[in-house]
Amino acid sequence: MLAGYFFAARMPAWGTILVAIAFELLALWVIRDNLTLNVIMLVYPIEAIKVWQGG
């Protein structure tokens, strides 16, 4: 966690945002779960996403 803080403190804002988006996409690809999907399923559940996440 400390390394992430120092990274964010030294990188420009756009660099930090790009890394955050990259981590979201990596989580989506590897484990089929990320913050974006959690929010979508909380606000407006979609059966197709539920089936896809179930594998």
Protein backbone atom coordinates (compact mmCIF):
# COMPACT_ATOMS: atom_id res chain seq x y z
CA MET A 1 0.00 0.00 0.00
CA LEU A 2 2.86 2.33 0.76
CA ALA A 3 4.36 1.70 -2.68
CA GLY A 4 1.04 2.66 -4.29
CA TYR A 5 0.96 5.91 -2.33
CA PHE A 6 4.47 6.87 -3.42
CA PHE A 7 3.67 5.93 -7.02
CA ALA A 8 0.53 8.12 -7.02
CA ALA A 9 2.35 10.99 -5.34
CA ARG A 10 5.11 11.07 -7.96
CA MET A 11 3.12 10.34 -11.12
CA PRO A 12 0.96 12.91 -12.89
CA ALA A 13 -2.79 12.52 -12.43
CA TRP A 14 -3.28 11.03 -15.90
CA GLY A 15 -0.69 8.34 -15.17
CA THR A 16 -2.42 7.33 -11.97
CA ILE A 17 -5.79 7.20 -13.75
CA LEU A 18 -4.36 5.04 -16.55
CA VAL A 19 -2.88 2.60 -14.04
CA ALA A 20 -6.21 2.39 -12.18
CA ILE A 21 -8.05 1.67 -15.44
CA ALA A 22 -5.45 -0.95 -16.36
CA PHE A 23 -5.94 -2.69 -13.00
CA GLU A 24 -9.74 -2.65 -13.48
CA LEU A 25 -9.38 -4.22 -16.93
CA LEU A 26 -6.91 -6.80 -15.61
CA ALA A 27 -9.32 -7.80 -12.83
CA LEU A 28 -12.15 -8.00 -15.38
CA TRP A 29 -10.13 -10.27 -17.64
CA VAL A 30 -8.52 -12.51 -14.99
CA ILE A 31 -11.25 -13.01 -12.36
CA ARG A 32 -14.37 -11.59 -14.05
CA ASP A 33 -14.96 -9.23 -11.15
CA ASN A 34 -14.12 -5.58 -10.59
CA LEU A 35 -15.54 -2.41 -9.09
CA THR A 36 -17.32 -1.38 -12.28
CA LEU A 37 -19.19 -4.68 -12.56
CA ASN A 38 -20.08 -4.58 -8.86
CA VAL A 39 -21.62 -1.12 -9.22
CA ILE A 40 -23.53 -2.11 -12.37
CA MET A 41 -24.91 -5.22 -10.69
CA LEU A 42 -25.89 -3.23 -7.60
CA VAL A 43 -27.68 -0.46 -9.50
CA TYR A 44 -29.17 -2.43 -12.41
CA PRO A 45 -28.62 -6.21 -12.30
CA ILE A 46 -28.15 -7.75 -15.73
CA GLU A 47 -28.68 -11.48 -16.09
CA ALA A 48 -26.09 -11.82 -18.88
CA ILE A 49 -23.35 -10.39 -16.64
CA LYS A 50 -24.41 -12.68 -13.80
CA VAL A 51 -24.18 -15.74 -16.05
CA TRP A 52 -20.82 -14.62 -17.51
CA GLN A 53 -19.35 -14.05 -14.03
CA GLY A 54 -20.52 -17.51 -12.99
CA GLY A 55 -18.38 -19.01 -15.72
